Amino acid sequence: MSPIIFSHISEADKNYSRTYTLPMNLKSELKLPCGMLLLNRIAKSAMSENMAEEGHYPGLHYTNLYRRWAMGGVGLCITGNVMIDHRHLGEPCNVVLENDLHLEHFKSWAQTTEGTAMSLWPQLNHPGKQTPKFLTSEPVAPSAIPLGPKMRAFFAPPRALMEKEIEEIINRFANSAKLAQEAGFQGVQIHGAHGYLVSQFLSPKHNQRQDKWGGPLENRMRFLIEIYKSMRLKVGASFPIGVKINSADFQKGGFSHEDAISVCQKISKLGMDLIEISGGSYEKPVMTGQRQSTLKREAYFLQYASDIKKVIECPLMVTGGFRTQKIMEEVINSGEADLIGLARPLAIEPNLPYRLLSDSDVASKVHPITTGIKFVDGLFPLEITWYTRQLHLMGKNLEPKMNANAWNAIYHTLKEMGVTGLRRASARSN
């Protein structure tokens, strides 16, 4: 069987190249362009934990939760939102990494990987206009364009960023990456998907600027490119930098699949170590499973990822919908993706990676969450609150309750967050 060749030559590593010979599987190691070796092909994709301490730092609940995943055998673990600016939060209990004030707590979080196969990367993010009214009365965005009518009860209209503010945000991303490196994390991911600020810059629907940051795709991708370049200058060539990007926004006039292919090709050539493919936004939350695969497979975005895989030189991670070992192995073996991203399955089975790596015919126990009453299901964001509840249980060193009913999630959401928290949860997606 002829080998599959992946080559990558960038400013970060002029001499990098690698060769893999089929068959590959979930147990196969993966070398990133920067030289880091991931010990298997299973990755935990970001899920919003929303349980930071009052000063927006990660406390014991984070170390408890992430140690569970580390002991579960996952090769790469990407955290939920780590915000780069305390003034701009996506949720009230977000972690913020903007200075060294609480760096010791971040070091403790990073140390949860010790003695395990897990590489832990904070997902760095700025929400832009996707920040609830009760957190930010005047959000910022590329252009002063509000979210859709259904979202305006939760999100205030944004003002357009000035150019000096754009440059400040770029510097903040780079500064947060450097702080993550100093804390002992093994890499970082830029959140460029799901309608947050980087995604807003990429979208012609949300970015209607007339300067060098808007207009043609070359300008709209400038924000992401400058973030990457600034990060690379801060952390050096050997520290992994990845990005999560939409395969498309699935909105009329938004970021298209053709745009995604071009952006991924460009950032791969610049030296990006890993691209994760997802899709959608608050306005069109296809990443929550509302869109079914047209390939009759589990993976929501695999068809789109296959197009991107053809034009990039760095590894590709696909997240969304994977449930069975058979399909995961098939995708890795075929070369359609280099990493399998899992989220909800690991919220109820933190040791699932070990089962996937050691047993055959393994399937996730993820199941639809419903009260059995359509009206109630539509009123409450059950798929979000139920799985978030499982993360909170593990944060308390308790076992996830995969058979807990939907009413349990509603009760605990109201108890812990109140009506305001419920409104916040209703307006977001994991």
Protein backbone atom coordinates (compact mmCIF):
# COMPACT_ATOMS: atom_id res chain seq x y z
CA MET A 1 0.00 0.00 0.00
CA SER A 2 1.48 3.32 -1.03
CA PRO A 3 2.31 5.84 1.70
CA ILE A 4 0.41 9.05 2.37
CA ILE A 5 2.84 11.95 2.46
CA PHE A 6 2.20 15.07 4.54
CA SER A 7 4.85 17.74 4.11
CA HIS A 8 4.98 21.15 5.69
CA ILE A 9 7.57 23.86 5.17
CA SER A 10 7.06 27.13 6.99
CA GLU A 11 8.89 29.97 8.64
CA ALA A 12 8.38 28.08 11.91
CA ASP A 13 10.18 24.94 10.74
CA LYS A 14 11.92 24.92 7.35
CA ASN A 15 13.06 21.34 7.61
CA TYR A 16 9.86 19.72 8.83
CA SER A 17 8.46 16.72 6.96
CA ARG A 18 6.75 13.48 7.87
CA THR A 19 5.54 10.31 6.25
CA TYR A 20 2.79 7.98 7.42
CA THR A 21 2.16 4.58 5.90
CA LEU A 22 -1.31 3.14 5.94
CA PRO A 23 -2.97 1.66 7.85
CA MET A 24 -3.29 4.32 10.53
CA ASN A 25 -5.63 4.02 13.50
CA LEU A 26 -6.64 5.74 16.72
CA LYS A 27 -3.48 4.47 18.43
CA SER A 28 -1.17 6.09 15.87
CA GLU A 29 1.03 8.95 17.00
CA LEU A 30 0.76 12.30 15.23
CA LYS A 31 3.67 14.68 14.77
CA LEU A 32 2.71 18.35 14.45
CA PRO A 33 4.63 20.77 12.22
CA CYS A 34 6.25 22.38 15.29
CA GLY A 35 7.69 19.00 16.27
CA MET A 36 5.29 18.07 19.11
CA LEU A 37 4.16 14.45 19.16
CA LEU A 38 0.56 13.63 20.07
CA LEU A 39 0.40 10.10 21.44
CA ASN A 40 -2.93 9.09 19.90
CA ARG A 41 -5.60 10.38 17.50
CA ILE A 42 -8.37 11.10 20.03
CA ALA A 43 -8.94 14.74 20.98
CA LYS A 44 -11.31 16.36 23.44
CA SER A 45 -12.88 19.35 21.72
CA ALA A 46 -13.78 22.47 23.69
CA MET A 47 -16.82 22.48 25.96
CA SER A 48 -17.67 25.54 28.01
CA GLU A 49 -17.17 24.64 31.68
CA ASN A 50 -18.53 27.94 33.05
CA MET A 51 -17.26 27.33 36.59
CA ALA A 52 -14.40 29.79 37.15
CA GLU A 53 -13.76 31.28 40.58
CA GLU A 54 -14.87 34.84 41.36
CA GLY A 55 -11.62 36.32 40.01
CA HIS A 56 -12.08 34.44 36.71
CA TYR A 57 -9.34 31.94 37.43
CA PRO A 58 -9.46 28.13 37.32
CA GLY A 59 -9.86 26.64 40.78
CA LEU A 60 -10.04 23.10 42.13
CA HIS A 61 -13.07 22.24 40.02
CA TYR A 62 -10.97 22.67 36.88
CA THR A 63 -8.09 20.55 38.12
CA ASN A 64 -10.50 17.82 39.22
CA LEU A 65 -12.29 17.79 35.87
CA TYR A 66 -9.21 17.88 33.67
CA ARG A 67 -7.40 15.24 35.69
CA ARG A 68 -10.33 12.93 34.94
CA TRP A 69 -9.88 13.50 31.22
CA ALA A 70 -6.10 13.14 31.50
CA MET A 71 -6.49 9.78 33.23
CA GLY A 72 -9.04 8.76 30.58
CA GLY A 73 -6.44 8.41 27.84
CA VAL A 74 -7.21 11.31 25.51
CA GLY A 75 -4.24 12.46 23.41
CA LEU A 76 -5.15 16.13 22.98
CA CYS A 77 -7.44 18.10 25.27
CA ILE A 78 -8.66 21.57 24.32
CA THR A 79 -10.22 23.59 27.11
CA GLY A 80 -13.42 25.58 27.04
CA ASN A 81 -13.27 29.32 26.46
CA VAL A 82 -10.30 31.07 28.06
CA MET A 83 -11.04 34.74 27.48
CA ILE A 84 -8.28 37.25 26.73
CA ASP A 85 -10.03 40.27 28.26
CA HIS A 86 -12.07 40.37 31.50
CA ARG A 87 -14.15 43.21 30.06
CA HIS A 88 -15.45 40.97 27.30
CA LEU A 89 -16.88 37.65 28.48
CA GLY A 90 -19.09 35.15 26.75
CA GLU A 91 -20.43 33.82 30.07
CA PRO A 92 -20.36 35.02 33.68
CA CYS A 93 -18.04 32.26 34.91
CA ASN A 94 -15.49 32.25 32.08
CA VAL A 95 -11.82 31.81 32.85
CA VAL A 96 -9.70 34.84 31.86
CA LEU A 97 -5.95 34.75 31.14
CA GLU A 98 -4.74 38.30 30.57
CA ASN A 99 -1.96 38.78 33.14
CA ASP A 100 0.08 36.80 35.68
CA LEU A 101 -2.16 37.66 38.65
CA HIS A 102 -3.50 34.11 39.01
CA LEU A 103 -0.78 32.29 37.08
CA GLU A 104 -0.23 29.77 39.88
CA HIS A 105 -3.78 28.52 39.41
CA PHE A 106 -3.19 28.12 35.69
CA LYS A 107 0.01 26.20 36.47
CA SER A 108 -2.00 23.82 38.64
CA TRP A 109 -4.46 23.36 35.78
CA ALA A 110 -1.63 22.65 33.33
CA GLN A 111 -0.11 20.08 35.69
CA THR A 112 -3.17 17.84 35.41
CA THR A 113 -1.47 16.19 32.41
CA GLU A 114 1.49 14.87 34.41
CA GLY A 115 2.13 11.15 33.92
CA THR A 116 -0.49 10.84 31.17
CA ALA A 117 -0.68 10.93 27.37
CA MET A 118 -2.71 14.15 27.36
CA SER A 119 -1.52 17.40 25.83
CA LEU A 120 -3.57 20.33 27.22
CA TRP A 121 -4.24 23.48 25.15
CA PRO A 122 -6.29 26.48 26.35
CA GLN A 123 -8.79 27.74 23.78
CA LEU A 124 -8.21 31.50 23.59
CA ASN A 125 -11.20 33.61 22.68
CA HIS A 126 -12.82 37.04 22.47
CA PRO A 127 -16.62 37.01 22.12
CA GLY A 128 -17.05 40.19 20.12
CA LYS A 129 -20.78 40.88 20.03
CA GLN A 130 -21.66 37.40 21.32
CA THR A 131 -21.68 38.58 24.92
CA PRO A 132 -24.98 38.81 26.80
CA LYS A 133 -26.47 42.18 27.75
CA PHE A 134 -26.11 41.53 31.45
CA LEU A 135 -22.33 41.13 30.98
CA THR A 136 -21.56 43.82 28.40
CA SER A 137 -23.86 46.73 27.62
CA GLU A 138 -21.74 47.88 24.66
CA PRO A 139 -20.08 44.94 22.90
CA VAL A 140 -17.59 45.38 20.08
CA ALA A 141 -17.46 43.86 16.61
CA PRO A 142 -15.86 44.44 13.21
CA SER A 143 -18.94 46.45 12.20
CA ALA A 144 -21.92 47.90 14.09
CA ILE A 145 -24.24 45.13 12.94
CA PRO A 146 -26.46 43.46 15.58
CA LEU A 147 -27.20 39.77 15.77
CA GLY A 148 -30.43 38.53 14.22
CA PRO A 149 -33.87 39.56 15.54
CA LYS A 150 -34.31 36.42 17.64
CA MET A 151 -31.04 37.12 19.46
CA ARG A 152 -31.55 40.82 20.25
CA ALA A 153 -33.39 40.16 23.49
CA PHE A 154 -30.15 38.73 24.85
CA PHE A 155 -27.40 40.65 23.02
CA ALA A 156 -26.93 44.42 22.76
CA PRO A 157 -26.06 46.03 19.42
CA PRO A 158 -22.28 46.31 19.02
CA ARG A 159 -20.13 49.26 18.06
CA ALA A 160 -17.46 48.95 15.40
CA LEU A 161 -13.90 48.53 16.62
CA MET A 162 -11.38 51.26 15.95
CA GLU A 163 -8.17 50.14 14.29
CA LYS A 164 -6.08 50.74 17.41
CA GLU A 165 -8.51 48.51 19.33
CA ILE A 166 -8.10 45.76 16.74
CA GLU A 167 -4.35 45.94 17.21
CA GLU A 168 -4.78 45.82 20.99
CA ILE A 169 -6.91 42.67 20.74
CA ILE A 170 -4.29 41.03 18.52
CA ASN A 171 -1.68 41.81 21.16
CA ARG A 172 -3.95 40.39 23.85
CA PHE A 173 -4.23 37.07 22.01
CA ALA A 174 -0.44 36.92 21.75
CA ASN A 175 0.02 37.88 25.39
CA SER A 176 -2.43 35.20 26.54
CA ALA A 177 -0.61 32.60 24.44
CA LYS A 178 2.69 33.53 26.08
CA LEU A 179 1.12 33.33 29.54
CA ALA A 180 -0.27 29.88 28.69
CA GLN A 181 3.21 28.78 27.68
CA GLU A 182 4.67 30.13 30.93
CA ALA A 183 1.99 28.30 32.92
CA GLY A 184 3.07 25.00 31.42
CA PHE A 185 0.34 24.29 28.88
CA GLN A 186 1.51 22.33 25.85
CA GLY A 187 -0.13 24.51 23.19
CA VAL A 188 -3.00 26.92 22.50
CA GLN A 189 -5.97 27.08 20.17
CA ILE A 190 -7.42 30.25 18.62
CA HIS A 191 -11.23 30.11 18.64
CA GLY A 192 -12.10 31.24 15.14
CA ALA A 193 -15.49 29.52 14.88
CA HIS A 194 -19.09 29.67 16.17
CA GLY A 195 -19.64 33.37 15.59
CA TYR A 196 -17.14 34.79 18.09
CA LEU A 197 -14.93 37.78 17.21
CA VAL A 198 -12.46 36.03 14.88
CA SER A 199 -15.40 34.39 13.12
CA GLN A 200 -17.13 37.78 12.88
CA PHE A 201 -14.12 39.25 11.09
CA LEU A 202 -14.13 36.36 8.60
CA SER A 203 -17.83 36.77 7.77
CA PRO A 204 -18.89 39.22 5.03
CA LYS A 205 -22.27 39.40 6.74
CA HIS A 206 -20.84 40.66 10.03
CA ASN A 207 -17.73 42.40 8.71
CA GLN A 208 -18.61 45.26 6.38
CA ARG A 209 -15.59 47.43 7.08
CA GLN A 210 -14.08 49.53 4.32
CA ASP A 211 -10.50 49.49 5.61
CA LYS A 212 -7.77 46.83 5.45
CA TRP A 213 -9.69 44.64 7.93
CA GLY A 214 -12.81 44.22 5.77
CA GLY A 215 -14.08 43.76 2.25
CA PRO A 216 -12.45 40.97 0.21
CA LEU A 217 -11.53 37.71 1.93
CA GLU A 218 -7.86 38.66 1.94
CA ASN A 219 -8.72 41.56 4.24
CA ARG A 220 -11.28 39.70 6.32
CA MET A 221 -8.76 36.96 7.17
CA ARG A 222 -6.13 39.54 8.14
CA PHE A 223 -7.29 39.62 11.79
CA LEU A 224 -6.76 35.86 12.20
CA ILE A 225 -3.45 35.94 10.35
CA GLU A 226 -2.09 38.78 12.49
CA ILE A 227 -3.19 36.97 15.65
CA TYR A 228 -1.28 33.88 14.53
CA LYS A 229 1.84 35.84 13.56
CA SER A 230 1.85 37.79 16.83
CA MET A 231 1.43 34.60 18.83
CA ARG A 232 4.26 32.89 16.96
CA LEU A 233 6.61 35.77 17.70
CA LYS A 234 5.78 35.46 21.41
CA VAL A 235 5.92 31.68 21.86
CA GLY A 236 8.52 30.60 19.31
CA ALA A 237 8.60 27.92 16.63
CA SER A 238 8.29 24.83 18.83
CA PHE A 239 5.11 25.74 20.74
CA PRO A 240 1.93 24.41 19.08
CA ILE A 241 -0.69 26.87 17.84
CA GLY A 242 -3.98 25.59 16.48
CA VAL A 243 -7.20 27.17 15.29
CA LYS A 244 -10.85 26.18 15.32
CA ILE A 245 -12.64 27.43 12.24
CA ASN A 246 -16.05 27.03 10.67
CA SER A 247 -16.41 24.85 7.60
CA ALA A 248 -19.13 27.42 6.85
CA ASP A 249 -21.50 29.68 8.79
CA PHE A 250 -24.54 28.12 7.07
CA GLN A 251 -26.04 31.61 6.77
CA LYS A 252 -26.99 33.52 3.65
CA GLY A 253 -24.27 36.05 2.92
CA GLY A 254 -22.00 34.62 5.61
CA PHE A 255 -18.64 32.87 5.67
CA SER A 256 -18.87 30.27 2.91
CA HIS A 257 -17.27 26.87 2.51
CA GLU A 258 -15.18 28.27 -0.34
CA ASP A 259 -13.98 31.00 2.04
CA ALA A 260 -13.06 28.35 4.61
CA ILE A 261 -11.00 26.40 2.09
CA SER A 262 -9.03 29.53 1.15
CA VAL A 263 -8.44 30.60 4.77
CA CYS A 264 -7.31 27.14 5.84
CA GLN A 265 -4.93 26.90 2.91
CA LYS A 266 -3.40 30.27 3.80
CA ILE A 267 -2.95 29.69 7.53
CA SER A 268 -1.56 26.22 6.92
CA LYS A 269 1.16 27.66 4.69
CA LEU A 270 2.00 30.20 7.39
CA GLY A 271 2.80 27.42 9.86
CA MET A 272 -0.39 26.64 11.78
CA ASP A 273 0.09 23.36 13.65
CA LEU A 274 -3.50 22.10 13.69
CA ILE A 275 -6.82 23.11 12.14
CA GLU A 276 -10.06 21.97 13.76
CA ILE A 277 -13.18 22.06 11.61
CA SER A 278 -16.61 22.83 13.02
CA GLY A 279 -19.47 25.05 11.86
CA GLY A 280 -22.29 27.42 12.75
CA SER A 281 -22.85 30.18 15.29
CA TYR A 282 -25.40 31.28 17.92
CA GLU A 283 -27.67 32.33 15.08
CA LYS A 284 -27.28 29.00 13.27
CA PRO A 285 -26.16 26.43 15.88
CA VAL A 286 -25.42 23.50 13.56
CA MET A 287 -22.47 22.52 15.80
CA THR A 288 -24.98 21.23 18.39
CA GLY A 289 -26.11 18.46 16.06
CA GLN A 290 -29.02 20.13 14.31
CA ARG A 291 -27.37 19.41 10.96
CA GLN A 292 -27.05 15.81 9.81
CA SER A 293 -24.18 14.48 7.73
CA THR A 294 -24.92 14.27 4.04
CA LEU A 295 -22.45 11.37 3.82
CA LYS A 296 -24.71 9.16 6.00
CA ARG A 297 -21.91 9.09 8.54
CA GLU A 298 -21.77 10.25 12.10
CA ALA A 299 -19.51 13.25 11.56
CA TYR A 300 -21.48 16.43 10.90
CA PHE A 301 -18.73 18.27 9.03
CA LEU A 302 -16.69 15.48 7.43
CA GLN A 303 -17.77 16.28 3.89
CA TYR A 304 -16.59 19.87 4.29
CA ALA A 305 -13.41 18.78 6.06
CA SER A 306 -12.52 16.47 3.18
CA ASP A 307 -12.40 19.46 0.82
CA ILE A 308 -10.16 21.37 3.21
CA LYS A 309 -7.87 18.39 3.78
CA LYS A 310 -6.93 18.41 0.11
CA VAL A 311 -5.40 21.90 0.24
CA ILE A 312 -3.68 22.10 3.63
CA GLU A 313 -0.25 20.95 4.77
CA CYS A 314 -0.93 20.67 8.53
CA PRO A 315 -3.00 18.07 10.42
CA LEU A 316 -6.79 18.33 10.45
CA MET A 317 -9.11 17.65 13.37
CA VAL A 318 -12.81 17.05 12.74
CA THR A 319 -15.32 17.49 15.57
CA GLY A 320 -19.03 16.84 15.78
CA GLY A 321 -21.15 13.70 15.82
CA PHE A 322 -18.61 10.89 16.17
CA ARG A 323 -20.12 8.08 18.23
CA THR A 324 -18.62 4.71 17.20
CA GLN A 325 -15.09 3.37 17.09
CA LYS A 326 -15.76 1.84 13.67
CA ILE A 327 -16.38 5.22 12.03
CA MET A 328 -13.53 6.93 13.89
CA GLU A 329 -11.07 4.26 12.74
CA GLU A 330 -12.41 4.45 9.20
CA VAL A 331 -11.90 8.22 9.03
CA ILE A 332 -8.34 8.04 10.41
CA ASN A 333 -7.41 5.10 8.21
CA SER A 334 -8.72 6.81 5.09
CA GLY A 335 -6.71 9.96 5.81
CA GLU A 336 -9.83 12.15 5.74
CA ALA A 337 -8.83 13.52 9.14
CA ASP A 338 -5.81 13.26 11.42
CA LEU A 339 -7.61 13.69 14.75
CA ILE A 340 -11.09 12.74 15.96
CA GLY A 341 -12.66 15.48 18.08
CA LEU A 342 -15.07 14.37 20.83
CA ALA A 343 -17.05 16.56 23.22
CA ARG A 344 -20.34 15.24 24.63
CA PRO A 345 -19.14 11.62 24.73
CA LEU A 346 -16.37 12.68 27.12
CA ALA A 347 -18.80 14.63 29.29
CA ILE A 348 -20.45 11.37 30.36
CA GLU A 349 -17.56 8.92 29.86
CA PRO A 350 -14.21 10.53 30.68
CA ASN A 351 -12.48 7.17 30.19
CA LEU A 352 -13.99 6.58 26.75
CA PRO A 353 -10.61 7.10 24.98
CA TYR A 354 -9.13 4.10 26.79
CA ARG A 355 -12.06 1.98 25.67
CA LEU A 356 -11.70 3.23 22.10
CA LEU A 357 -7.99 2.45 22.11
CA SER A 358 -8.27 -1.02 23.64
CA ASP A 359 -11.61 -2.54 22.66
CA SER A 360 -13.50 -3.18 19.46
CA ASP A 361 -17.07 -2.20 18.61
CA VAL A 362 -17.07 0.61 21.17
CA ALA A 363 -19.90 3.13 20.96
CA SER A 364 -20.57 6.28 22.92
CA LYS A 365 -23.55 6.32 25.26
CA VAL A 366 -24.62 9.82 24.19
CA HIS A 367 -28.38 9.97 23.80
CA PRO A 368 -31.03 12.64 23.11
CA ILE A 369 -32.03 14.73 26.12
CA THR A 370 -35.75 15.39 26.45
CA THR A 371 -38.42 15.92 29.09
CA GLY A 372 -40.96 14.26 26.84
CA ILE A 373 -42.84 17.57 26.57
CA LYS A 374 -42.09 19.51 23.39
CA PHE A 375 -42.99 22.89 24.85
CA VAL A 376 -40.60 22.45 27.78
CA ASP A 377 -37.86 21.10 25.51
CA GLY A 378 -38.16 24.25 23.41
CA LEU A 379 -38.13 26.54 26.43
CA PHE A 380 -34.97 25.16 28.06
CA PRO A 381 -31.55 24.61 26.38
CA LEU A 382 -31.49 21.00 27.56
CA GLU A 383 -28.63 19.74 25.41
CA ILE A 384 -26.39 22.45 26.87
CA THR A 385 -27.48 22.49 30.50
CA TRP A 386 -27.59 18.69 30.84
CA TYR A 387 -24.02 18.19 29.60
CA THR A 388 -22.71 21.21 31.49
CA ARG A 389 -24.15 19.61 34.61
CA GLN A 390 -22.00 16.52 33.98
CA LEU A 391 -18.86 18.68 33.82
CA HIS A 392 -19.79 20.34 37.10
CA LEU A 393 -20.25 16.95 38.77
CA MET A 394 -16.79 15.83 37.68
CA GLY A 395 -15.42 19.16 38.87
CA LYS A 396 -16.69 18.21 42.32
CA ASN A 397 -15.00 14.79 42.05
CA LEU A 398 -18.35 13.11 41.52
CA GLU A 399 -19.30 10.71 38.77
CA PRO A 400 -21.25 11.98 35.75
CA LYS A 401 -24.85 10.82 35.75
CA MET A 402 -25.43 9.62 32.21
CA ASN A 403 -28.92 8.44 33.07
CA ALA A 404 -30.01 11.65 34.81
CA ASN A 405 -33.29 12.92 33.40
CA ALA A 406 -33.78 16.29 31.77
CA TRP A 407 -35.78 17.65 34.72
CA ASN A 408 -32.68 17.22 36.87
CA ALA A 409 -30.72 19.51 34.54
CA ILE A 410 -33.49 22.12 34.62
CA TYR A 411 -33.63 22.05 38.43
CA HIS A 412 -29.86 22.45 38.87
CA THR A 413 -29.64 25.16 36.22
CA LEU A 414 -32.28 27.24 38.00
CA LYS A 415 -30.73 26.53 41.40
CA GLU A 416 -27.15 27.42 40.40
CA MET A 417 -27.75 30.19 37.87
CA GLY A 418 -31.24 31.52 38.40
CA VAL A 419 -33.37 32.98 35.63
CA THR A 420 -30.55 35.23 34.41
CA GLY A 421 -28.23 32.27 34.02
CA LEU A 422 -30.92 30.35 32.19
CA ARG A 423 -31.33 33.21 29.73
CA ARG A 424 -27.58 33.17 29.18
CA ALA A 425 -27.61 29.43 28.57
CA SER A 426 -30.53 29.78 26.17
CA ALA A 427 -28.52 32.17 24.06
CA ARG A 428 -25.38 30.11 23.62
CA SER A 429 -24.28 26.77 22.21
CA ASN A 430 -21.40 24.43 23.04
